[in-house]
Protein backbone atom coordinates (compact mmCIF):
# COMPACT_ATOMS: atom_id res chain seq x y z
CA UNK A 1 0.00 0.00 0.00
CA UNK A 2 1.10 3.53 -0.69
CA UNK A 3 0.34 4.91 2.80
CA UNK A 4 0.81 1.79 4.91
CA UNK A 5 3.33 3.56 7.16
CA UNK A 6 0.75 6.22 8.16
CA UNK A 7 -1.08 3.96 10.60
CA UNK A 8 -4.51 4.82 9.20
CA UNK A 9 -7.28 2.42 10.04
CA UNK A 10 -10.09 1.38 7.75
CA UNK A 11 -12.56 2.99 10.17
CA UNK A 12 -10.82 6.39 10.04
CA UNK A 13 -10.75 6.33 6.24
CA UNK A 14 -14.44 5.39 6.15
CA UNK A 15 -15.25 8.30 8.51
CA UNK A 16 -13.32 10.72 6.28
CA UNK A 17 -15.13 9.44 3.18
CA UNK A 18 -18.51 9.74 4.92
CA UNK A 19 -17.74 13.32 5.96
CA UNK A 20 -16.68 14.15 2.41
CA UNK A 21 -19.92 12.70 1.01
CA UNK A 22 -21.99 14.78 3.46
CA UNK A 23 -20.13 18.10 3.26
CA UNK A 24 -18.20 17.86 -0.04
CA UNK A 25 -15.07 18.85 1.86
CA UNK A 26 -12.52 17.21 4.16
CA UNK A 27 -11.90 20.44 6.09
CA UNK A 28 -12.69 20.73 9.77
CA UNK A 29 -15.82 22.56 10.84
CA UNK A 30 -15.46 25.97 12.45
CA UNK A 31 -15.31 25.57 16.22
CA UNK A 32 -14.46 21.87 16.16
CA UNK A 33 -11.62 20.65 18.29
CA UNK A 34 -10.13 21.96 21.49
CA UNK A 35 -10.28 25.73 21.96
CA UNK A 36 -6.97 27.58 22.06
CA UNK A 37 -7.69 29.36 25.32
CA UNK A 38 -4.11 29.43 26.61
CA UNK A 39 -2.78 31.53 23.75
CA UNK A 40 -4.18 34.94 24.53
CA UNK A 41 -2.48 38.24 23.73
CA UNK A 42 -1.85 38.80 27.44
CA UNK A 43 -0.21 35.39 27.88
CA UNK A 44 1.97 35.88 24.80
CA UNK A 45 3.15 39.28 26.07
CA UNK A 46 3.86 37.83 29.54
CA UNK A 47 5.91 34.96 28.15
CA UNK A 48 7.92 37.29 25.91
CA UNK A 49 8.61 39.54 28.91
CA UNK A 50 9.67 36.58 31.08
CA UNK A 51 11.96 35.20 28.40
CA UNK A 52 13.72 38.54 27.91
CA UNK A 53 14.13 39.27 31.64
CA UNK A 54 16.81 37.73 33.81
CA UNK A 55 15.63 35.67 36.76
CA UNK A 56 17.19 37.85 39.47
CA UNK A 57 16.61 41.16 37.64
CA UNK A 58 12.99 41.66 36.58
CA UNK A 59 12.44 44.13 33.73
CA UNK A 60 16.08 43.82 32.72
CA UNK A 61 15.03 43.57 29.09
CA UNK A 62 14.09 47.26 29.29
CA UNK A 63 17.56 48.38 30.41
CA UNK A 64 20.42 49.35 28.14
PDB file of N, CA and C in Angstrom:
ATOM      1  N   UNK A   1       0.830  -1.190   0.000  1.00  0.00           N
ATOM      2  CA  UNK A   1       0.000   0.000   0.000  1.00  0.00           C
ATOM      3  C   UNK A   1       0.873   1.251   0.000  1.00  0.00           C
ATOM      4  N   UNK A   2       0.348   2.294  -0.567  1.00  0.00           N
ATOM      5  CA  UNK A   2       1.100   3.532  -0.690  1.00  0.00           C
ATOM      6  C   UNK A   2       1.286   4.235   0.657  1.00  0.00           C
ATOM      7  N   UNK A   3       0.273   4.212   1.519  1.00  0.00           N
ATOM      8  CA  UNK A   3       0.338   4.910   2.797  1.00  0.00           C
ATOM      9  C   UNK A   3       0.306   3.946   3.978  1.00  0.00           C
ATOM     10  N   UNK A   4       0.873   2.780   3.841  1.00  0.00           N
ATOM     11  CA  UNK A   4       0.810   1.785   4.912  1.00  0.00           C
ATOM     12  C   UNK A   4       1.582   2.223   6.154  1.00  0.00           C
ATOM     13  N   UNK A   5       2.548   3.106   6.013  1.00  0.00           N
ATOM     14  CA  UNK A   5       3.328   3.563   7.165  1.00  0.00           C
ATOM     15  C   UNK A   5       2.625   4.678   7.945  1.00  0.00           C
ATOM     16  N   UNK A   6       1.478   5.141   7.496  1.00  0.00           N
ATOM     17  CA  UNK A   6       0.752   6.222   8.158  1.00  0.00           C
ATOM     18  C   UNK A   6      -0.021   5.742   9.383  1.00  0.00           C
ATOM     19  N   UNK A   7      -0.332   4.482   9.468  1.00  0.00           N
ATOM     20  CA  UNK A   7      -1.083   3.959  10.599  1.00  0.00           C
ATOM     21  C   UNK A   7      -2.565   4.267  10.542  1.00  0.00           C
ATOM     22  N   UNK A   8      -3.088   4.542   9.363  1.00  0.00           N
ATOM     23  CA  UNK A   8      -4.511   4.825   9.199  1.00  0.00           C
ATOM     24  C   UNK A   8      -5.288   3.525   9.309  1.00  0.00           C
ATOM     25  N   UNK A   9      -6.422   3.594   9.949  1.00  0.00           N
ATOM     26  CA  UNK A   9      -7.283   2.420  10.041  1.00  0.00           C
ATOM     27  C   UNK A   9      -8.386   2.525   8.994  1.00  0.00           C
ATOM     28  N   UNK A  10      -8.986   1.390   8.716  1.00  0.00           N
ATOM     29  CA  UNK A  10     -10.089   1.377   7.752  1.00  0.00           C
ATOM     30  C   UNK A  10     -11.241   2.241   8.263  1.00  0.00           C
ATOM     31  N   UNK A  11     -11.476   2.213   9.580  1.00  0.00           N
ATOM     32  CA  UNK A  11     -12.561   2.991  10.173  1.00  0.00           C
ATOM     33  C   UNK A  11     -12.323   4.495   9.996  1.00  0.00           C
ATOM     34  N   UNK A  12     -11.084   4.957  10.192  1.00  0.00           N
ATOM     35  CA  UNK A  12     -10.818   6.389  10.042  1.00  0.00           C
ATOM     36  C   UNK A  12     -10.963   6.837   8.594  1.00  0.00           C
ATOM     37  N   UNK A  13     -10.575   5.995   7.662  1.00  0.00           N
ATOM     38  CA  UNK A  13     -10.746   6.326   6.242  1.00  0.00           C
ATOM     39  C   UNK A  13     -12.230   6.353   5.884  1.00  0.00           C
ATOM     40  N   UNK A  14     -12.997   5.402   6.406  1.00  0.00           N
ATOM     41  CA  UNK A  14     -14.439   5.391   6.145  1.00  0.00           C
ATOM     42  C   UNK A  14     -15.113   6.637   6.714  1.00  0.00           C
ATOM     43  N   UNK A  15     -14.686   7.082   7.919  1.00  0.00           N
ATOM     44  CA  UNK A  15     -15.245   8.302   8.507  1.00  0.00           C
ATOM     45  C   UNK A  15     -14.937   9.518   7.640  1.00  0.00           C
ATOM     46  N   UNK A  16     -13.713   9.612   7.140  1.00  0.00           N
ATOM     47  CA  UNK A  16     -13.323  10.717   6.277  1.00  0.00           C
ATOM     48  C   UNK A  16     -14.138  10.712   4.983  1.00  0.00           C
ATOM     49  N   UNK A  17     -14.326   9.545   4.399  1.00  0.00           N
ATOM     50  CA  UNK A  17     -15.129   9.444   3.179  1.00  0.00           C
ATOM     51  C   UNK A  17     -16.581   9.823   3.441  1.00  0.00           C
ATOM     52  N   UNK A  18     -17.135   9.397   4.569  1.00  0.00           N
ATOM     53  CA  UNK A  18     -18.509   9.737   4.918  1.00  0.00           C
ATOM     54  C   UNK A  18     -18.649  11.247   5.091  1.00  0.00           C
ATOM     55  N   UNK A  19     -17.699  11.870   5.765  1.00  0.00           N
ATOM     56  CA  UNK A  19     -17.740  13.321   5.955  1.00  0.00           C
ATOM     57  C   UNK A  19     -17.665  14.032   4.608  1.00  0.00           C
ATOM     58  N   UNK A  20     -16.815  13.541   3.728  1.00  0.00           N
ATOM     59  CA  UNK A  20     -16.680  14.150   2.413  1.00  0.00           C
ATOM     60  C   UNK A  20     -17.985  14.033   1.623  1.00  0.00           C
ATOM     61  N   UNK A  21     -18.638  12.885   1.720  1.00  0.00           N
ATOM     62  CA  UNK A  21     -19.919  12.698   1.013  1.00  0.00           C
ATOM     63  C   UNK A  21     -20.982  13.662   1.538  1.00  0.00           C
ATOM     64  N   UNK A  22     -20.971  13.920   2.851  1.00  0.00           N
ATOM     65  CA  UNK A  22     -21.991  14.784   3.457  1.00  0.00           C
ATOM     66  C   UNK A  22     -21.722  16.263   3.235  1.00  0.00           C
ATOM     67  N   UNK A  23     -20.459  16.669   3.291  1.00  0.00           N
ATOM     68  CA  UNK A  23     -20.133  18.100   3.259  1.00  0.00           C
ATOM     69  C   UNK A  23     -19.392  18.535   2.008  1.00  0.00           C
ATOM     70  N   UNK A  24     -18.974  17.615   1.173  1.00  0.00           N
ATOM     71  CA  UNK A  24     -18.202  17.856  -0.041  1.00  0.00           C
ATOM     72  C   UNK A  24     -16.871  18.547   0.285  1.00  0.00           C
ATOM     73  N   UNK A  25     -16.371  18.333   1.488  1.00  0.00           N
ATOM     74  CA  UNK A  25     -15.065  18.845   1.857  1.00  0.00           C
ATOM     75  C   UNK A  25     -14.491  17.966   2.964  1.00  0.00           C
ATOM     76  N   UNK A  26     -13.181  17.958   3.086  1.00  0.00           N
ATOM     77  CA  UNK A  26     -12.524  17.208   4.155  1.00  0.00           C
ATOM     78  C   UNK A  26     -12.021  18.152   5.239  1.00  0.00           C
ATOM     79  N   UNK A  27     -12.330  19.445   5.106  1.00  0.00           N
ATOM     80  CA  UNK A  27     -11.895  20.442   6.087  1.00  0.00           C
ATOM     81  C   UNK A  27     -12.652  20.293   7.394  1.00  0.00           C
ATOM     82  N   UNK A  28     -12.034  20.758   8.472  1.00  0.00           N
ATOM     83  CA  UNK A  28     -12.687  20.729   9.772  1.00  0.00           C
ATOM     84  C   UNK A  28     -13.740  21.828   9.850  1.00  0.00           C
ATOM     85  N   UNK A  29     -14.775  21.569  10.624  1.00  0.00           N
ATOM     86  CA  UNK A  29     -15.819  22.560  10.836  1.00  0.00           C
ATOM     87  C   UNK A  29     -15.307  23.659  11.757  1.00  0.00           C
ATOM     88  N   UNK A  30     -15.836  24.858  11.593  1.00  0.00           N
ATOM     89  CA  UNK A  30     -15.461  25.969  12.453  1.00  0.00           C
ATOM     90  C   UNK A  30     -15.896  25.643  13.872  1.00  0.00           C
ATOM     91  N   UNK A  31     -14.995  25.823  14.820  1.00  0.00           N
ATOM     92  CA  UNK A  31     -15.313  25.569  16.216  1.00  0.00           C
ATOM     93  C   UNK A  31     -15.110  24.135  16.649  1.00  0.00           C
ATOM     94  N   UNK A  32     -14.696  23.253  15.743  1.00  0.00           N
ATOM     95  CA  UNK A  32     -14.464  21.874  16.159  1.00  0.00           C
ATOM     96  C   UNK A  32     -13.070  21.757  16.757  1.00  0.00           C
ATOM     97  N   UNK A  33     -12.913  20.850  17.651  1.00  0.00           N
ATOM     98  CA  UNK A  33     -11.624  20.646  18.294  1.00  0.00           C
ATOM     99  C   UNK A  33     -11.507  21.421  19.590  1.00  0.00           C
ATOM    100  N   UNK A  34     -10.362  21.309  20.205  1.00  0.00           N
ATOM    101  CA  UNK A  34     -10.127  21.956  21.490  1.00  0.00           C
ATOM    102  C   UNK A  34      -9.870  23.445  21.287  1.00  0.00           C
ATOM    103  N   UNK A  35     -10.511  24.289  22.094  1.00  0.00           N
ATOM    104  CA  UNK A  35     -10.279  25.730  21.963  1.00  0.00           C
ATOM    105  C   UNK A  35      -8.865  26.112  22.380  1.00  0.00           C
ATOM    106  N   UNK A  36      -8.327  27.130  21.764  1.00  0.00           N
ATOM    107  CA  UNK A  36      -6.967  27.583  22.057  1.00  0.00           C
ATOM    108  C   UNK A  36      -7.030  28.699  23.090  1.00  0.00           C
ATOM    109  N   UNK A  37      -7.466  28.357  24.293  1.00  0.00           N
ATOM    110  CA  UNK A  37      -7.694  29.361  25.323  1.00  0.00           C
ATOM    111  C   UNK A  37      -6.393  29.834  25.980  1.00  0.00           C
ATOM    112  N   UNK A  38      -5.341  29.062  25.924  1.00  0.00           N
ATOM    113  CA  UNK A  38      -4.111  29.432  26.611  1.00  0.00           C
ATOM    114  C   UNK A  38      -3.312  30.473  25.831  1.00  0.00           C
ATOM    115  N   UNK A  39      -3.568  30.612  24.563  1.00  0.00           N
ATOM    116  CA  UNK A  39      -2.778  31.530  23.747  1.00  0.00           C
ATOM    117  C   UNK A  39      -3.541  32.833  23.554  1.00  0.00           C
ATOM    118  N   UNK A  40      -3.560  33.632  24.597  1.00  0.00           N
ATOM    119  CA  UNK A  40      -4.180  34.939  24.527  1.00  0.00           C
ATOM    120  C   UNK A  40      -3.088  35.983  24.332  1.00  0.00           C
ATOM    121  N   UNK A  41      -3.469  37.173  23.917  1.00  0.00           N
ATOM    122  CA  UNK A  41      -2.476  38.235  23.728  1.00  0.00           C
ATOM    123  C   UNK A  41      -1.740  38.542  25.028  1.00  0.00           C
ATOM    124  N   UNK A  42      -2.475  38.515  26.142  1.00  0.00           N
ATOM    125  CA  UNK A  42      -1.855  38.801  27.438  1.00  0.00           C
ATOM    126  C   UNK A  42      -0.817  37.739  27.795  1.00  0.00           C
ATOM    127  N   UNK A  43      -1.149  36.465  27.571  1.00  0.00           N
ATOM    128  CA  UNK A  43      -0.207  35.395  27.882  1.00  0.00           C
ATOM    129  C   UNK A  43       1.025  35.457  26.987  1.00  0.00           C
ATOM    130  N   UNK A  44       0.833  35.780  25.724  1.00  0.00           N
ATOM    131  CA  UNK A  44       1.967  35.880  24.801  1.00  0.00           C
ATOM    132  C   UNK A  44       2.897  37.005  25.246  1.00  0.00           C
ATOM    133  N   UNK A  45       2.336  38.154  25.601  1.00  0.00           N
ATOM    134  CA  UNK A  45       3.152  39.276  26.074  1.00  0.00           C
ATOM    135  C   UNK A  45       3.890  38.920  27.355  1.00  0.00           C
ATOM    136  N   UNK A  46       3.235  38.210  28.277  1.00  0.00           N
ATOM    137  CA  UNK A  46       3.858  37.828  29.538  1.00  0.00           C
ATOM    138  C   UNK A  46       5.023  36.874  29.296  1.00  0.00           C
ATOM    139  N   UNK A  47       4.841  35.913  28.436  1.00  0.00           N
ATOM    140  CA  UNK A  47       5.912  34.958  28.147  1.00  0.00           C
ATOM    141  C   UNK A  47       7.091  35.654  27.490  1.00  0.00           C
ATOM    142  N   UNK A  48       6.833  36.544  26.557  1.00  0.00           N
ATOM    143  CA  UNK A  48       7.924  37.289  25.912  1.00  0.00           C
ATOM    144  C   UNK A  48       8.686  38.094  26.950  1.00  0.00           C
ATOM    145  N   UNK A  49       7.973  38.745  27.857  1.00  0.00           N
ATOM    146  CA  UNK A  49       8.605  39.538  28.909  1.00  0.00           C
ATOM    147  C   UNK A  49       9.455  38.645  29.819  1.00  0.00           C
ATOM    148  N   UNK A  50       8.929  37.481  30.200  1.00  0.00           N
ATOM    149  CA  UNK A  50       9.667  36.580  31.084  1.00  0.00           C
ATOM    150  C   UNK A  50      10.905  36.012  30.405  1.00  0.00           C
ATOM    151  N   UNK A  51      10.817  35.750  29.126  1.00  0.00           N
ATOM    152  CA  UNK A  51      11.961  35.202  28.400  1.00  0.00           C
ATOM    153  C   UNK A  51      13.073  36.238  28.303  1.00  0.00           C
ATOM    154  N   UNK A  52      12.721  37.489  28.090  1.00  0.00           N
ATOM    155  CA  UNK A  52      13.719  38.535  27.908  1.00  0.00           C
ATOM    156  C   UNK A  52      14.310  39.028  29.225  1.00  0.00           C
ATOM    157  N   UNK A  53      13.642  38.807  30.345  1.00  0.00           N
ATOM    158  CA  UNK A  53      14.128  39.265  31.640  1.00  0.00           C
ATOM    159  C   UNK A  53      15.033  38.210  32.262  1.00  0.00           C
ATOM    160  N   UNK A  54      15.975  38.655  33.066  1.00  0.00           N
ATOM    161  CA  UNK A  54      16.811  37.729  33.810  1.00  0.00           C
ATOM    162  C   UNK A  54      16.082  37.366  35.097  1.00  0.00           C
ATOM    163  N   UNK A  55      16.369  36.182  35.613  1.00  0.00           N
ATOM    164  CA  UNK A  55      15.630  35.671  36.760  1.00  0.00           C
ATOM    165  C   UNK A  55      15.760  36.572  37.986  1.00  0.00           C
ATOM    166  N   UNK A  56      16.972  37.051  38.267  1.00  0.00           N
ATOM    167  CA  UNK A  56      17.188  37.855  39.474  1.00  0.00           C
ATOM    168  C   UNK A  56      17.019  39.348  39.227  1.00  0.00           C
ATOM    169  N   UNK A  57      16.764  39.753  37.982  1.00  0.00           N
ATOM    170  CA  UNK A  57      16.606  41.164  37.644  1.00  0.00           C
ATOM    171  C   UNK A  57      15.371  41.349  36.772  1.00  0.00           C
ATOM    172  N   UNK A  58      14.197  41.457  37.388  1.00  0.00           N
ATOM    173  CA  UNK A  58      12.988  41.663  36.583  1.00  0.00           C
ATOM    174  C   UNK A  58      13.072  42.958  35.769  1.00  0.00           C
ATOM    175  N   UNK A  59      12.445  42.988  34.658  1.00  0.00           N
ATOM    176  CA  UNK A  59      12.436  44.132  33.734  1.00  0.00           C
ATOM    177  C   UNK A  59      13.814  44.478  33.204  1.00  0.00           C
ATOM    178  N   UNK A  60      14.736  43.526  33.223  1.00  0.00           N
ATOM    179  CA  UNK A  60      16.082  43.823  32.721  1.00  0.00           C
ATOM    180  C   UNK A  60      16.091  43.951  31.198  1.00  0.00           C
ATOM    181  N   UNK A  61      15.066  43.452  30.537  1.00  0.00           N
ATOM    182  CA  UNK A  61      15.030  43.575  29.090  1.00  0.00           C
ATOM    183  C   UNK A  61      14.817  45.024  28.676  1.00  0.00           C
ATOM    184  N   UNK A  62      14.341  45.852  29.594  1.00  0.00           N
ATOM    185  CA  UNK A  62      14.090  47.264  29.288  1.00  0.00           C
ATOM    186  C   UNK A  62      15.322  48.141  29.518  1.00  0.00           C
ATOM    187  N   UNK A  63      16.369  47.571  30.116  1.00  0.00           N
ATOM    188  CA  UNK A  63      17.564  48.377  30.409  1.00  0.00           C
ATOM    189  C   UNK A  63      18.529  48.358  29.225  1.00  0.00           C
ATOM    190  N   UNK A  64      19.419  49.303  29.203  1.00  0.00           N
ATOM    191  CA  UNK A  64      20.420  49.352  28.143  1.00  0.00           C
ATOM    192  C   UNK A  64      21.467  48.334  28.445  1.00  0.00           C
TER     193      UNK A  64
END
